[in-house]
Amino acid sequence: MSWACAIRTVGAMDLAVFAGVVSTGLFAMSYVPMLAKAARTKDLTSYSLGNLAITNAGNAVYSAYVFSLPFGPIWFLHSFYVVASLLMLVWFLRSRAALEGPRSATPCRSVRISRRPERVRVSVAGREEELDDVDPTERDGAAPRAHPRARG
């Protein structure tokens, strides 16, 4: 092998490793705002359990490939993805459990907003009824107050 060929190979490998390091940093930085917002707000209602579960399953399978490669930037990137995806799944499951609250055998009330903002649908143990969402002081023929979501 000639010296020129050896130098070109080392230079190309250095460039590839440098590109790997830079892209790893960029990809990791792109996840940081999402993770920070999820940690700060604890609002993960816009995420899908299916997507988070498949992402974690894919990361687990892909780990067999990544960690069979020589040590390099891809190890850091994939490790970051594994940790970030696992964190999002754990946070999602915690927030979902907190939203659902403790489960009990006693019937509970659930409130659903109907299309008419002045009406509220309440169900108790499977029986539904509609209630007026009107301030008692305004019941004497006055117009019902607007529902808080019906702002114009």
C-alpha atoms as a PDB file:
ATOM      1  CA  MET A   1       0.000   0.000   0.000  1.00  0.00           C
ATOM      2  CA  SER A   2       1.357   3.410  -0.881  1.00  0.00           C
ATOM      3  CA  TRP A   3       1.681   6.276   1.565  1.00  0.00           C
ATOM      4  CA  ALA A   4      -0.755   8.401  -0.451  1.00  0.00           C
ATOM      5  CA  CYS A   5      -3.439   5.714  -0.194  1.00  0.00           C
ATOM      6  CA  ALA A   6      -2.852   5.297   3.559  1.00  0.00           C
ATOM      7  CA  ILE A   7      -3.041   9.075   4.139  1.00  0.00           C
ATOM      8  CA  ARG A   8      -6.236   9.374   2.083  1.00  0.00           C
ATOM      9  CA  THR A   9      -7.866   6.531   4.086  1.00  0.00           C
ATOM     10  CA  VAL A  10      -6.898   8.076   7.433  1.00  0.00           C
ATOM     11  CA  GLY A  11      -8.146  11.493   6.268  1.00  0.00           C
ATOM     12  CA  ALA A  12     -11.440  10.026   5.021  1.00  0.00           C
ATOM     13  CA  MET A  13     -11.911   8.098   8.284  1.00  0.00           C
ATOM     14  CA  ASP A  14     -11.202  11.208  10.339  1.00  0.00           C
ATOM     15  CA  LEU A  15     -13.741  13.125   8.250  1.00  0.00           C
ATOM     16  CA  ALA A  16     -16.332  10.349   8.712  1.00  0.00           C
ATOM     17  CA  VAL A  17     -15.781  10.284  12.491  1.00  0.00           C
ATOM     18  CA  PHE A  18     -15.984  14.081  12.618  1.00  0.00           C
ATOM     19  CA  ALA A  19     -19.248  14.000  10.627  1.00  0.00           C
ATOM     20  CA  GLY A  20     -20.564  11.345  13.021  1.00  0.00           C
ATOM     21  CA  VAL A  21     -19.702  13.441  16.061  1.00  0.00           C
ATOM     22  CA  VAL A  22     -21.320  16.582  14.605  1.00  0.00           C
ATOM     23  CA  SER A  23     -24.480  14.771  13.483  1.00  0.00           C
ATOM     24  CA  THR A  24     -24.759  13.045  16.868  1.00  0.00           C
ATOM     25  CA  GLY A  25     -24.680  16.431  18.565  1.00  0.00           C
ATOM     26  CA  LEU A  26     -27.258  17.897  16.178  1.00  0.00           C
ATOM     27  CA  PHE A  27     -29.668  14.975  16.522  1.00  0.00           C
ATOM     28  CA  ALA A  28     -29.348  15.005  20.307  1.00  0.00           C
ATOM     29  CA  MET A  29     -29.912  18.782  20.416  1.00  0.00           C
ATOM     30  CA  SER A  30     -33.085  18.361  18.353  1.00  0.00           C
ATOM     31  CA  TYR A  31     -34.551  16.134  21.108  1.00  0.00           C
ATOM     32  CA  VAL A  32     -33.643  18.412  24.022  1.00  0.00           C
ATOM     33  CA  PRO A  33     -36.529  20.927  23.596  1.00  0.00           C
ATOM     34  CA  MET A  34     -39.084  18.085  23.459  1.00  0.00           C
ATOM     35  CA  LEU A  35     -37.639  16.450  26.574  1.00  0.00           C
ATOM     36  CA  ALA A  36     -37.406  19.772  28.418  1.00  0.00           C
ATOM     37  CA  LYS A  37     -41.019  20.681  27.620  1.00  0.00           C
ATOM     38  CA  ALA A  38     -42.288  17.240  28.618  1.00  0.00           C
ATOM     39  CA  ALA A  39     -40.350  17.389  31.892  1.00  0.00           C
ATOM     40  CA  ARG A  40     -41.468  20.954  32.632  1.00  0.00           C
ATOM     41  CA  THR A  41     -45.175  20.715  31.749  1.00  0.00           C
ATOM     42  CA  LYS A  42     -45.811  17.018  32.451  1.00  0.00           C
ATOM     43  CA  ASP A  43     -48.332  17.277  29.574  1.00  0.00           C
ATOM     44  CA  LEU A  44     -47.844  14.286  27.299  1.00  0.00           C
ATOM     45  CA  THR A  45     -51.443  14.010  26.094  1.00  0.00           C
ATOM     46  CA  SER A  46     -50.411  14.723  22.507  1.00  0.00           C
ATOM     47  CA  TYR A  47     -48.145  11.659  22.411  1.00  0.00           C
ATOM     48  CA  SER A  48     -49.301   8.235  21.316  1.00  0.00           C
ATOM     49  CA  LEU A  49     -48.699   5.159  23.465  1.00  0.00           C
ATOM     50  CA  GLY A  50     -48.414   3.066  20.306  1.00  0.00           C
ATOM     51  CA  ASN A  51     -45.724   5.300  18.837  1.00  0.00           C
ATOM     52  CA  LEU A  52     -43.727   5.413  22.069  1.00  0.00           C
ATOM     53  CA  ALA A  53     -43.979   1.630  22.520  1.00  0.00           C
ATOM     54  CA  ILE A  54     -42.915   0.892  18.934  1.00  0.00           C
ATOM     55  CA  THR A  55     -40.053   3.380  19.205  1.00  0.00           C
ATOM     56  CA  ASN A  56     -38.753   1.640  22.326  1.00  0.00           C
ATOM     57  CA  ALA A  57     -39.152  -1.811  20.766  1.00  0.00           C
ATOM     58  CA  GLY A  58     -37.311  -0.619  17.647  1.00  0.00           C
ATOM     59  CA  ASN A  59     -34.529   0.854  19.774  1.00  0.00           C
ATOM     60  CA  ALA A  60     -34.156  -2.452  21.631  1.00  0.00           C
ATOM     61  CA  VAL A  61     -33.812  -4.431  18.391  1.00  0.00           C
ATOM     62  CA  TYR A  62     -31.550  -1.811  16.773  1.00  0.00           C
ATOM     63  CA  SER A  63     -29.279  -1.914  19.841  1.00  0.00           C
ATOM     64  CA  ALA A  64     -28.142  -5.418  18.820  1.00  0.00           C
ATOM     65  CA  TYR A  65     -26.827  -3.919  15.586  1.00  0.00           C
ATOM     66  CA  VAL A  66     -25.403  -0.671  16.955  1.00  0.00           C
ATOM     67  CA  PHE A  67     -23.493  -2.230  19.808  1.00  0.00           C
ATOM     68  CA  SER A  68     -21.974  -4.813  17.458  1.00  0.00           C
ATOM     69  CA  LEU A  69     -20.247  -1.944  15.616  1.00  0.00           C
ATOM     70  CA  PRO A  70     -16.868  -0.604  16.685  1.00  0.00           C
ATOM     71  CA  PHE A  71     -17.087   1.993  19.448  1.00  0.00           C
ATOM     72  CA  GLY A  72     -17.847   5.404  17.993  1.00  0.00           C
ATOM     73  CA  PRO A  73     -20.305   8.311  17.788  1.00  0.00           C
ATOM     74  CA  ILE A  74     -23.198   6.034  16.811  1.00  0.00           C
ATOM     75  CA  TRP A  75     -22.990   4.429  20.266  1.00  0.00           C
ATOM     76  CA  PHE A  76     -23.562   7.823  21.913  1.00  0.00           C
ATOM     77  CA  LEU A  77     -26.372   8.773  19.537  1.00  0.00           C
ATOM     78  CA  HIS A  78     -28.192   5.484  19.928  1.00  0.00           C
ATOM     79  CA  SER A  79     -27.723   5.489  23.713  1.00  0.00           C
ATOM     80  CA  PHE A  80     -29.216   8.988  23.806  1.00  0.00           C
ATOM     81  CA  TYR A  81     -32.201   7.830  21.709  1.00  0.00           C
ATOM     82  CA  VAL A  82     -32.721   4.805  23.973  1.00  0.00           C
ATOM     83  CA  VAL A  83     -32.686   6.939  27.135  1.00  0.00           C
ATOM     84  CA  ALA A  84     -34.850   9.706  25.613  1.00  0.00           C
ATOM     85  CA  SER A  85     -37.448   7.271  24.252  1.00  0.00           C
ATOM     86  CA  LEU A  86     -37.581   5.350  27.500  1.00  0.00           C
ATOM     87  CA  LEU A  87     -37.989   8.583  29.493  1.00  0.00           C
ATOM     88  CA  MET A  88     -40.842   9.703  27.236  1.00  0.00           C
ATOM     89  CA  LEU A  89     -42.582   6.331  27.632  1.00  0.00           C
ATOM     90  CA  VAL A  90     -42.227   6.376  31.432  1.00  0.00           C
ATOM     91  CA  TRP A  91     -43.405  10.012  31.647  1.00  0.00           C
ATOM     92  CA  PHE A  92     -46.333   9.233  29.329  1.00  0.00           C
ATOM     93  CA  LEU A  93     -47.444   6.269  31.449  1.00  0.00           C
ATOM     94  CA  ARG A  94     -47.124   8.301  34.661  1.00  0.00           C
ATOM     95  CA  SER A  95     -49.118  11.231  33.250  1.00  0.00           C
ATOM     96  CA  ARG A  96     -51.780   8.882  31.905  1.00  0.00           C
ATOM     97  CA  ALA A  97     -52.099   7.183  35.297  1.00  0.00           C
ATOM     98  CA  ALA A  98     -52.330  10.587  36.999  1.00  0.00           C
ATOM     99  CA  LEU A  99     -55.075  11.722  34.588  1.00  0.00           C
ATOM    100  CA  GLU A 100     -57.100   8.560  35.094  1.00  0.00           C
ATOM    101  CA  GLY A 101     -56.727   8.766  38.861  1.00  0.00           C
ATOM    102  CA  PRO A 102     -57.244   5.906  41.260  1.00  0.00           C
ATOM    103  CA  ARG A 103     -59.720   3.288  40.152  1.00  0.00           C
ATOM    104  CA  SER A 104     -62.487   2.318  42.542  1.00  0.00           C
ATOM    105  CA  ALA A 105     -65.537   0.073  42.472  1.00  0.00           C
ATOM    106  CA  THR A 106     -67.848   2.957  43.399  1.00  0.00           C
ATOM    107  CA  PRO A 107     -69.622   4.824  40.602  1.00  0.00           C
ATOM    108  CA  CYS A 108     -68.130   8.167  39.798  1.00  0.00           C
ATOM    109  CA  ARG A 109     -69.253  11.230  37.932  1.00  0.00           C
ATOM    110  CA  SER A 110     -67.816  12.071  34.571  1.00  0.00           C
ATOM    111  CA  VAL A 111     -68.417  15.361  32.828  1.00  0.00           C
ATOM    112  CA  ARG A 112     -68.381  15.795  29.076  1.00  0.00           C
ATOM    113  CA  ILE A 113     -68.805  19.123  27.364  1.00  0.00           C
ATOM    114  CA  SER A 114     -71.577  19.013  24.767  1.00  0.00           C
ATOM    115  CA  ARG A 115     -71.615  20.964  21.519  1.00  0.00           C
ATOM    116  CA  ARG A 116     -73.906  23.478  23.190  1.00  0.00           C
ATOM    117  CA  PRO A 117     -71.676  25.378  25.626  1.00  0.00           C
ATOM    118  CA  GLU A 118     -74.538  26.180  28.000  1.00  0.00           C
ATOM    119  CA  ARG A 119     -75.219  22.450  28.568  1.00  0.00           C
ATOM    120  CA  VAL A 120     -73.111  19.931  30.485  1.00  0.00           C
ATOM    121  CA  ARG A 121     -73.622  16.176  30.186  1.00  0.00           C
ATOM    122  CA  VAL A 122     -73.126  14.286  33.459  1.00  0.00           C
ATOM    123  CA  SER A 123     -73.181  10.521  33.781  1.00  0.00           C
ATOM    124  CA  VAL A 124     -73.526   8.704  37.078  1.00  0.00           C
ATOM    125  CA  ALA A 125     -73.138   4.921  37.028  1.00  0.00           C
ATOM    126  CA  GLY A 126     -74.143   4.700  33.364  1.00  0.00           C
ATOM    127  CA  ARG A 127     -77.161   7.054  33.632  1.00  0.00           C
ATOM    128  CA  GLU A 128     -76.697  10.304  31.734  1.00  0.00           C
ATOM    129  CA  GLU A 129     -78.412  13.628  32.220  1.00  0.00           C
ATOM    130  CA  GLU A 130     -77.891  17.126  30.880  1.00  0.00           C
ATOM    131  CA  LEU A 131     -77.573  20.026  33.264  1.00  0.00           C
ATOM    132  CA  ASP A 132     -77.695  23.739  32.573  1.00  0.00           C
ATOM    133  CA  ASP A 133     -74.391  25.499  33.094  1.00  0.00           C
ATOM    134  CA  VAL A 134     -76.103  28.662  34.297  1.00  0.00           C
ATOM    135  CA  ASP A 135     -75.221  30.799  37.284  1.00  0.00           C
ATOM    136  CA  PRO A 136     -78.166  30.528  39.753  1.00  0.00           C
ATOM    137  CA  THR A 137     -78.319  34.326  40.013  1.00  0.00           C
ATOM    138  CA  GLU A 138     -79.015  34.523  36.255  1.00  0.00           C
ATOM    139  CA  ARG A 139     -81.861  31.973  36.116  1.00  0.00           C
ATOM    140  CA  ASP A 140     -84.726  34.495  36.159  1.00  0.00           C
ATOM    141  CA  GLY A 141     -85.035  34.870  32.398  1.00  0.00           C
ATOM    142  CA  ALA A 142     -81.580  36.309  31.911  1.00  0.00           C
ATOM    143  CA  ALA A 143     -79.396  34.883  29.203  1.00  0.00           C
ATOM    144  CA  PRO A 144     -77.170  32.048  30.381  1.00  0.00           C
ATOM    145  CA  ARG A 145     -73.531  32.928  30.842  1.00  0.00           C
ATOM    146  CA  ALA A 146     -71.150  31.734  28.175  1.00  0.00           C
ATOM    147  CA  HIS A 147     -69.168  28.582  28.771  1.00  0.00           C
ATOM    148  CA  PRO A 148     -65.438  29.287  29.492  1.00  0.00           C
ATOM    149  CA  ARG A 149     -64.404  27.533  26.262  1.00  0.00           C
ATOM    150  CA  ALA A 150     -66.807  29.583  24.156  1.00  0.00           C
ATOM    151  CA  ARG A 151     -64.706  32.707  23.994  1.00  0.00           C
ATOM    152  CA  GLY A 152     -64.982  34.749  20.837  1.00  0.00           C
END
